[in-house]
Protein backbone atom coordinates (compact mmCIF):
# COMPACT_ATOMS: atom_id res chain seq x y z
CA MET A 1 97.57 17.52 -68.56
CA ASP A 2 93.97 18.07 -69.62
CA ILE A 3 93.36 20.55 -72.43
CA THR A 4 89.61 19.97 -72.07
CA SER A 5 87.63 17.17 -70.46
CA THR A 6 88.07 15.13 -73.66
CA ILE A 7 91.47 16.27 -74.96
CA LYS A 8 94.66 15.32 -73.12
CA TYR A 9 98.21 16.55 -73.62
CA ILE A 10 100.78 13.76 -73.99
CA GLY A 11 103.73 15.79 -75.24
CA VAL A 12 107.26 15.79 -73.85
CA HIS A 13 109.93 18.38 -73.15
CA ASP A 14 113.44 17.95 -74.54
CA GLY A 15 115.83 19.78 -72.26
CA ASP A 16 118.87 17.92 -73.55
CA ILE A 17 118.86 19.19 -77.13
CA ASP A 18 121.43 21.90 -77.91
CA LEU A 19 120.48 22.78 -81.49
CA PHE A 20 116.98 22.65 -82.95
CA GLU A 21 116.99 21.58 -86.61
CA GLY A 22 120.76 21.26 -86.19
CA GLN A 23 121.31 25.03 -86.15
CA TYR A 24 119.16 27.04 -83.70
CA LYS A 25 120.34 27.31 -80.09
CA VAL A 26 117.65 26.32 -77.60
CA PRO A 27 119.06 26.96 -74.11
CA GLU A 28 115.67 26.17 -72.57
CA GLY A 29 115.09 23.16 -74.81
CA VAL A 30 111.96 22.57 -76.86
CA SER A 31 108.70 20.68 -76.41
CA TYR A 32 107.29 18.10 -78.80
CA ASN A 33 103.56 18.47 -78.36
CA SER A 34 101.09 15.66 -78.93
CA TYR A 35 97.48 15.23 -77.92
CA VAL A 36 94.77 12.56 -77.63
CA ILE A 37 91.10 13.24 -78.37
CA PHE A 38 88.67 10.93 -76.58
CA ASP A 39 85.24 10.35 -78.13
CA GLU A 40 83.42 7.29 -79.46
CA LYS A 41 86.61 6.92 -81.43
CA ILE A 42 90.04 7.98 -80.19
CA ALA A 43 92.50 10.05 -82.21
CA ILE A 44 96.16 10.67 -81.42
CA MET A 45 97.28 14.02 -82.77
CA ASP A 46 100.90 13.60 -83.96
CA THR A 47 103.71 11.81 -82.13
CA ALA A 48 107.10 13.17 -81.05
CA ASP A 49 110.82 13.04 -81.66
CA ALA A 50 112.39 9.62 -81.09
CA ARG A 51 114.83 11.36 -78.75
CA LYS A 52 112.03 11.33 -76.17
CA GLY A 53 110.20 8.27 -77.42
CA GLU A 54 110.10 6.34 -74.16
CA GLU A 55 108.64 9.28 -72.26
CA TRP A 56 106.07 9.92 -75.00
CA TRP A 57 104.97 6.28 -74.97
CA ASN A 58 104.54 6.40 -71.19
CA ASN A 59 102.37 9.50 -71.53
CA LEU A 60 100.30 7.91 -74.29
CA MET A 61 99.67 4.66 -72.45
CA ASP A 62 98.79 6.49 -69.22
CA ALA A 63 96.28 8.63 -71.12
CA LEU A 64 94.73 5.69 -72.97
CA GLY A 65 94.25 3.68 -69.78
CA GLY A 66 93.96 0.43 -71.71
CA ARG A 67 91.81 1.80 -74.52
CA THR A 68 92.81 1.37 -78.17
CA PRO A 69 93.15 4.41 -80.44
CA ASP A 70 91.41 4.38 -83.80
CA TYR A 71 93.37 7.07 -85.60
CA LEU A 72 96.74 8.74 -85.68
CA VAL A 73 96.40 12.17 -87.29
CA VAL A 74 99.71 13.25 -88.82
CA GLN A 75 99.69 16.98 -89.43
CA HIS A 76 103.41 17.36 -90.14
CA MET A 77 106.06 14.86 -91.26
CA GLU A 78 109.11 16.62 -89.86
CA PRO A 79 110.90 14.03 -87.69
CA ASP A 80 110.47 15.94 -84.42
CA HIS A 81 106.74 15.17 -84.72
CA SER A 82 106.60 11.96 -86.76
CA SER A 83 109.46 9.74 -85.61
CA LEU A 84 107.20 7.33 -83.75
CA ILE A 85 104.58 6.72 -86.47
CA ALA A 86 105.88 3.26 -87.38
CA GLU A 87 106.03 2.19 -83.72
CA VAL A 88 102.44 3.31 -83.16
CA MET A 89 101.22 1.43 -86.23
CA GLU A 90 102.99 -1.73 -85.17
CA TYR A 91 101.66 -1.57 -81.61
CA PHE A 92 98.08 -0.83 -82.66
CA PRO A 93 97.44 -2.99 -85.75
CA SER A 94 93.89 -1.72 -86.26
CA LEU A 95 94.87 1.95 -86.17
CA LYS A 96 94.64 4.07 -89.31
CA VAL A 97 96.85 7.03 -90.15
CA VAL A 98 95.10 10.19 -91.32
CA ALA A 99 97.23 12.69 -93.20
CA SER A 100 97.50 14.68 -96.39
CA ALA A 101 98.30 12.83 -99.60
CA ILE A 102 101.75 14.42 -99.68
CA ALA A 103 102.46 13.29 -96.11
CA ILE A 104 101.40 9.75 -96.95
CA LYS A 105 103.72 9.77 -99.94
CA MET A 106 106.56 10.94 -97.69
CA MET A 107 106.12 8.25 -95.02
CA PRO A 108 108.04 5.45 -96.77
CA GLN A 109 110.97 7.84 -97.05
CA PHE A 110 111.25 7.80 -93.26
CA PHE A 111 110.17 4.23 -92.45
CA ALA A 112 110.95 1.01 -94.28
CA GLU A 113 108.26 -0.84 -92.28
CA PRO A 114 105.34 -1.21 -91.88
CA ASP A 115 103.56 -1.02 -95.21
CA PHE A 116 101.45 2.13 -94.97
CA SER A 117 99.42 1.63 -98.13
CA SER A 118 96.42 -0.20 -96.65
CA ARG A 119 96.22 1.77 -93.40
CA THR A 120 96.20 5.38 -94.47
CA VAL A 121 93.38 7.84 -95.04
CA ALA A 122 94.29 10.79 -97.25
CA VAL A 123 92.52 14.05 -96.41
CA LYS A 124 92.48 17.41 -98.06
CA GLU A 125 91.11 20.91 -97.47
CA GLY A 126 87.60 20.74 -96.03
CA ASP A 127 87.55 16.99 -95.39
CA THR A 128 86.29 15.78 -92.02
CA LEU A 129 86.94 12.89 -89.66
CA ASN A 130 83.98 11.78 -87.54
CA LEU A 131 84.94 10.70 -84.02
CA GLY A 132 81.40 10.38 -82.67
CA SER A 133 80.10 13.53 -81.01
CA ARG A 134 82.54 15.67 -82.97
CA GLU A 135 84.21 16.02 -86.32
CA LEU A 136 87.70 17.12 -87.08
CA THR A 137 87.82 19.45 -90.08
CA PHE A 138 91.11 19.58 -91.97
CA VAL A 139 92.62 22.77 -93.31
CA ALA A 140 95.52 22.63 -95.75
CA ALA A 141 98.55 24.67 -94.65
CA PRO A 142 101.22 23.97 -97.28
CA MET A 143 104.66 25.44 -96.58
CA VAL A 144 103.84 26.28 -92.98
CA HIS A 145 106.50 25.11 -93.16
CA TRP A 146 106.64 21.88 -95.20
CA PRO A 147 104.39 21.19 -98.21
CA GLU A 148 102.40 18.35 -96.61
CA VAL A 149 101.14 20.26 -93.56
CA ILE A 150 97.50 20.17 -92.51
CA VAL A 151 95.93 21.65 -89.41
CA SER A 152 92.84 20.28 -87.68
CA TYR A 153 89.82 22.02 -86.16
CA ASP A 154 87.54 20.50 -83.52
CA SER A 155 84.31 22.50 -83.76
CA LYS A 156 82.81 20.90 -80.63
CA GLU A 157 85.59 22.08 -78.31
CA ARG A 158 86.58 24.98 -80.64
CA VAL A 159 90.19 23.82 -80.67
CA LEU A 160 92.65 24.46 -83.50
CA PHE A 161 95.47 21.92 -83.68
CA SER A 162 97.83 24.28 -85.48
CA ALA A 163 100.86 22.11 -86.36
CA ASP A 164 104.01 24.29 -86.25
CA ALA A 165 102.02 27.53 -86.37
CA PHE A 166 101.99 29.39 -83.04
CA GLY A 167 104.87 27.30 -81.73
CA LYS A 168 107.89 28.52 -79.79
CA PHE A 169 111.20 27.36 -78.44
CA GLY A 170 111.37 26.51 -74.74
CA ALA A 171 108.85 24.97 -72.40
CA ALA A 172 105.25 24.01 -73.06
CA THR A 173 104.07 26.46 -70.40
CA LEU A 174 103.42 30.18 -70.22
CA ASP A 175 105.72 30.54 -67.21
CA GLU A 176 108.20 32.26 -69.52
CA ALA A 177 107.47 35.08 -71.97
CA TRP A 178 105.94 33.81 -75.22
CA ASP A 179 106.74 36.61 -77.65
CA ASP A 180 110.54 36.51 -77.80
CA GLU A 181 111.04 32.79 -78.34
CA ALA A 182 107.96 32.54 -80.57
CA ARG A 183 109.34 35.37 -82.69
CA ARG A 184 112.75 33.71 -82.98
CA TYR A 185 111.09 30.38 -83.81
CA PHE A 186 108.73 31.81 -86.42
CA LEU A 187 111.10 34.12 -88.28
CA ASN A 188 113.93 31.61 -88.52
CA ILE A 189 111.86 28.56 -89.37
CA VAL A 190 108.70 29.79 -91.08
CA GLY A 191 109.73 33.35 -91.93
CA LYS A 192 110.33 32.67 -95.62
CA TYR A 193 106.72 31.59 -96.04
CA GLY A 194 104.85 34.72 -94.98
CA PRO A 195 102.29 34.56 -97.82
CA GLN A 196 101.40 30.97 -96.92
CA VAL A 197 100.98 31.94 -93.26
CA GLN A 198 98.74 34.82 -94.32
CA THR A 199 96.60 32.34 -96.24
CA LEU A 200 96.31 30.12 -93.16
CA LEU A 201 95.40 33.11 -90.96
CA LYS A 202 92.60 34.03 -93.36
CA LYS A 203 91.25 30.48 -93.18
CA ALA A 204 91.55 30.47 -89.39
CA SER A 205 89.65 33.76 -89.13
CA ALA A 206 86.53 31.94 -90.34
CA LEU A 207 86.72 29.48 -87.43
CA ASP A 208 85.46 29.99 -83.90
CA ILE A 209 88.69 29.28 -81.99
CA GLU A 210 88.98 29.25 -78.21
CA ILE A 211 92.12 27.12 -77.84
CA ILE A 212 95.23 26.77 -80.03
CA CYS A 213 97.24 23.56 -79.63
CA PRO A 214 100.58 23.92 -81.45
CA LEU A 215 103.27 21.30 -81.91
CA HIS A 216 105.80 23.30 -79.87
CA GLY A 217 105.41 25.52 -76.84
CA PRO A 218 102.37 26.24 -74.68
CA VAL A 219 98.73 25.60 -75.41
CA LEU A 220 97.13 29.03 -75.91
CA LYS A 221 93.79 29.66 -74.22
CA GLU A 222 93.82 33.33 -73.27
CA ASN A 223 94.38 36.54 -75.23
CA LEU A 224 94.40 34.76 -78.58
CA ALA A 225 94.13 38.10 -80.39
CA HIS A 226 97.64 38.96 -79.17
CA TYR A 227 99.21 35.83 -80.64
CA ILE A 228 97.24 35.98 -83.87
CA GLY A 229 98.10 39.68 -84.22
CA LEU A 230 101.82 38.99 -83.89
CA TYR A 231 101.59 36.23 -86.49
CA ASP A 232 99.86 38.64 -88.83
CA THR A 233 102.63 41.21 -88.30
CA TRP A 234 105.47 38.75 -88.72
CA SER A 235 104.03 37.00 -91.76
CA SER A 236 103.25 40.27 -93.55
CA TYR A 237 106.83 41.51 -92.97
CA ARG A 238 105.69 44.62 -91.11
CA PRO A 239 107.93 45.95 -88.34
CA GLU A 240 106.77 44.94 -84.91
CA ALA A 241 108.39 47.90 -83.15
CA ASP A 242 109.48 51.42 -84.05
CA GLY A 243 113.22 51.46 -83.56
CA VAL A 244 116.67 50.71 -84.95
CA PHE A 245 118.63 47.49 -85.03
CA VAL A 246 122.38 48.21 -85.14
CA ALA A 247 124.33 45.16 -86.30
CA TYR A 248 128.10 45.18 -86.65
CA ALA A 249 130.88 42.89 -87.83
CA SER A 250 134.21 44.14 -86.53
CA ILE A 251 137.69 42.65 -86.75
CA TYR A 252 139.83 44.77 -84.39
CA GLY A 253 137.20 46.94 -82.74
CA GLY A 254 137.24 50.02 -84.96
CA THR A 255 133.96 49.19 -86.66
CA ALA A 256 132.39 48.19 -83.35
CA ALA A 257 133.29 51.59 -81.86
CA VAL A 258 131.41 53.39 -84.64
CA ALA A 259 128.39 51.10 -84.33
CA LEU A 260 128.14 51.57 -80.56
CA LEU A 261 128.53 55.33 -80.90
CA ILE A 262 125.66 55.41 -83.41
CA ALA A 263 123.55 53.31 -81.04
CA ASP A 264 124.29 55.64 -78.10
CA GLU A 265 123.48 58.76 -80.09
CA LEU A 266 120.19 57.26 -81.29
CA ARG A 267 119.27 56.38 -77.70
CA GLU A 268 120.00 59.95 -76.66
CA GLN A 269 117.38 60.99 -79.20
CA GLY A 270 114.87 58.68 -77.55
CA VAL A 271 115.08 55.95 -80.18
CA ASN A 272 114.52 52.32 -79.22
CA VAL A 273 117.80 50.56 -80.17
CA ILE A 274 118.97 46.94 -80.18
CA THR A 275 122.61 46.11 -80.96
CA ALA A 276 124.27 42.89 -82.07
CA ASP A 277 127.89 41.86 -82.50
CA LEU A 278 127.44 39.52 -85.44
CA ALA A 279 130.73 37.73 -84.78
CA ARG A 280 129.54 36.63 -81.34
CA CYS A 281 125.77 36.76 -81.04
CA ASP A 282 123.19 34.05 -81.69
CA ALA A 283 122.54 34.40 -85.41
CA SER A 284 118.88 33.40 -85.05
CA GLN A 285 118.34 36.13 -82.46
CA ALA A 286 119.99 38.73 -84.70
CA LEU A 287 117.65 37.80 -87.52
CA ALA A 288 114.61 38.03 -85.24
CA ASP A 289 115.71 41.48 -84.03
CA ALA A 290 116.20 42.67 -87.60
CA PHE A 291 112.62 41.69 -88.44
CA ARG A 292 111.34 43.17 -85.19
CA MET A 293 112.62 46.71 -85.72
CA SER A 294 111.54 49.23 -88.35
CA ARG A 295 115.04 50.41 -89.31
CA MET A 296 118.53 48.96 -89.40
CA VAL A 297 122.14 50.17 -89.39
CA LEU A 298 124.76 47.76 -90.73
CA CYS A 299 128.41 48.38 -89.87
CA ALA A 300 131.06 46.09 -91.31
CA ALA A 301 134.75 45.84 -91.97
CA SER A 302 136.01 45.19 -95.48
CA TYR A 303 137.63 41.80 -95.91
CA ASP A 304 139.33 40.10 -98.87
CA ALA A 305 137.92 42.74 -101.25
CA GLY A 306 134.47 42.00 -99.88
CA VAL A 307 132.77 42.20 -96.50
CA PHE A 308 133.71 40.58 -93.19
CA PRO A 309 132.09 37.10 -93.24
CA PRO A 310 129.85 37.49 -90.15
CA MET A 311 128.03 40.32 -91.96
CA GLN A 312 127.86 38.36 -95.19
CA HIS A 313 126.37 35.37 -93.37
CA PHE A 314 123.83 37.60 -91.64
CA LEU A 315 122.69 39.21 -94.89
CA HIS A 316 122.49 35.81 -96.57
CA HIS A 317 120.26 34.61 -93.72
CA LEU A 318 118.03 37.68 -94.08
CA LYS A 319 117.60 37.04 -97.79
CA MET A 320 116.77 33.38 -97.18
CA LYS A 321 114.01 34.40 -94.78
CA ASN A 322 112.48 36.98 -97.14
CA PHE A 323 113.53 40.13 -95.26
CA GLN A 324 111.86 43.22 -96.72
CA ASN A 325 110.19 46.59 -96.16
CA ARG A 326 112.94 48.31 -94.17
CA ARG A 327 115.14 51.41 -94.24
CA VAL A 328 118.83 50.57 -93.89
CA ALA A 329 121.93 52.70 -93.30
CA LEU A 330 125.45 51.47 -94.06
CA VAL A 331 128.85 52.00 -92.44
CA GLU A 332 131.96 50.45 -93.92
CA ASN A 333 135.52 50.29 -92.66
CA GLY A 334 138.65 49.66 -94.68
CA SER A 335 142.32 50.45 -94.18
CA TRP A 336 143.23 50.83 -97.86
CA ALA A 337 140.33 49.93 -100.20
CA PRO A 338 136.94 49.90 -98.46
CA THR A 339 134.58 47.43 -100.15
CA ALA A 340 132.09 46.45 -97.44
CA ALA A 341 129.38 48.96 -98.37
CA ARG A 342 129.36 47.90 -102.00
CA VAL A 343 128.90 44.25 -101.05
CA MET A 344 126.26 44.99 -98.42
CA ARG A 345 124.33 47.16 -100.85
CA SER A 346 124.44 44.49 -103.57
CA MET A 347 123.07 41.88 -101.16
CA LEU A 348 120.34 44.21 -99.90
CA ASP A 349 119.38 45.03 -103.48
CA GLU A 350 118.33 41.40 -103.84
CA MET A 351 115.71 41.86 -101.11
CA LYS A 352 112.27 43.43 -101.51
CA ASN A 353 111.54 47.07 -100.79
CA ILE A 354 114.79 47.91 -99.01
CA GLU A 355 115.63 51.63 -98.94
CA ILE A 356 119.34 52.43 -98.51
CA VAL A 357 119.51 55.81 -96.80
CA GLU A 358 122.28 58.34 -97.24
CA PRO A 359 124.96 59.01 -96.34
CA VAL A 360 126.93 55.79 -96.53
CA VAL A 361 129.71 56.31 -94.00
CA THR A 362 133.26 55.20 -94.76
CA ILE A 363 135.79 54.84 -91.93
CA LYS A 364 139.51 54.39 -92.57
CA SER A 365 140.73 52.00 -89.85
CA ARG A 366 139.64 54.10 -86.85
CA MET A 367 137.00 56.76 -86.32
CA LYS A 368 138.42 60.30 -86.30
CA ALA A 369 137.15 63.83 -85.76
CA GLY A 370 136.68 64.24 -89.48
CA ASP A 371 134.12 61.43 -89.49
CA GLU A 372 131.79 63.10 -87.00
CA ALA A 373 129.70 65.02 -89.54
CA ALA A 374 128.93 61.93 -91.63
CA ILE A 375 128.06 59.91 -88.54
CA GLU A 376 125.75 62.64 -87.28
CA ALA A 377 124.06 62.77 -90.68
CA LEU A 378 123.55 59.00 -90.58
CA VAL A 379 122.07 59.21 -87.08
CA LYS A 380 119.70 61.93 -88.28
CA SER A 381 118.61 59.76 -91.21
CA MET A 382 117.55 57.04 -88.75
CA LEU A 383 115.35 59.26 -86.56
């Protein structure tokens, strides 16, 4: 696939993988994107996961058509993009690897051979690589989402090679909606590092960008303001949508009944509502929905003098990913000594700018007529 007349796509799609990074479900698989820039000198932009090494090599050799590359630019050392570095160096003995100093230091951790020391070029913020009629300018992007990350800008073609930024789960095409799987990818993988993403966005705003080439998902050529705007929203921890995320962790169904009633009553008031059964849903999707909406209702059973583990795991995941700036209502259930609200509150208190709204609703085993007033008050607090 041609990105431009001088930039070719040589990436591969992995439809066999079940869990990305060993934890995130990817029912539509994931792409490992890689590119080749053809000029007086030839640069390969990243490699791929060894899982698809044979296919990647076929794509590379077809694109090269017998020519020899001069450089391999390594923007990110995570194995899904760097697994084939040693093979490339061995096959092309004159090739040099261009990467950040931290990435170069990391390389021997992943490959015992070859010796990288004499064949690497360390670059930093503002450095350039001359390929002939164009230069690549390097922009440091530490913790987006590893510390060694750099991104590369081709001013001639106005292309930003964005590393993991602007990536998504699923195919490397726009045949499927971008927002949902890009949101789930970003918030679960890069979400903790919002300030670092904001820094990268500020740097990118000074560049004249017409094409974004990420390491996962489709190449972006149209409506770039939409994608950049979503990244700005996500990385600044602002809600993307006005609405309520109702998440529940129920043992025998009593807590679930309250949660679904609250969701129905909010919908009757015209509120946009998303619900999630935390014991059964995809945890990465639940996290993405929590970040997406402006308000949240958490409903959980008490368990072992604490909170039912699916809710505890969900809140732990939110804290890990820097969840903040939301209004949250709590519902607890307990047959003899309700404790869920106390635990949920203590975990939310560890997050930034979380407002716990009143009332906190306590259910004893099953919802009853006497609980209606408190539930209605909670619904009102979420409007």
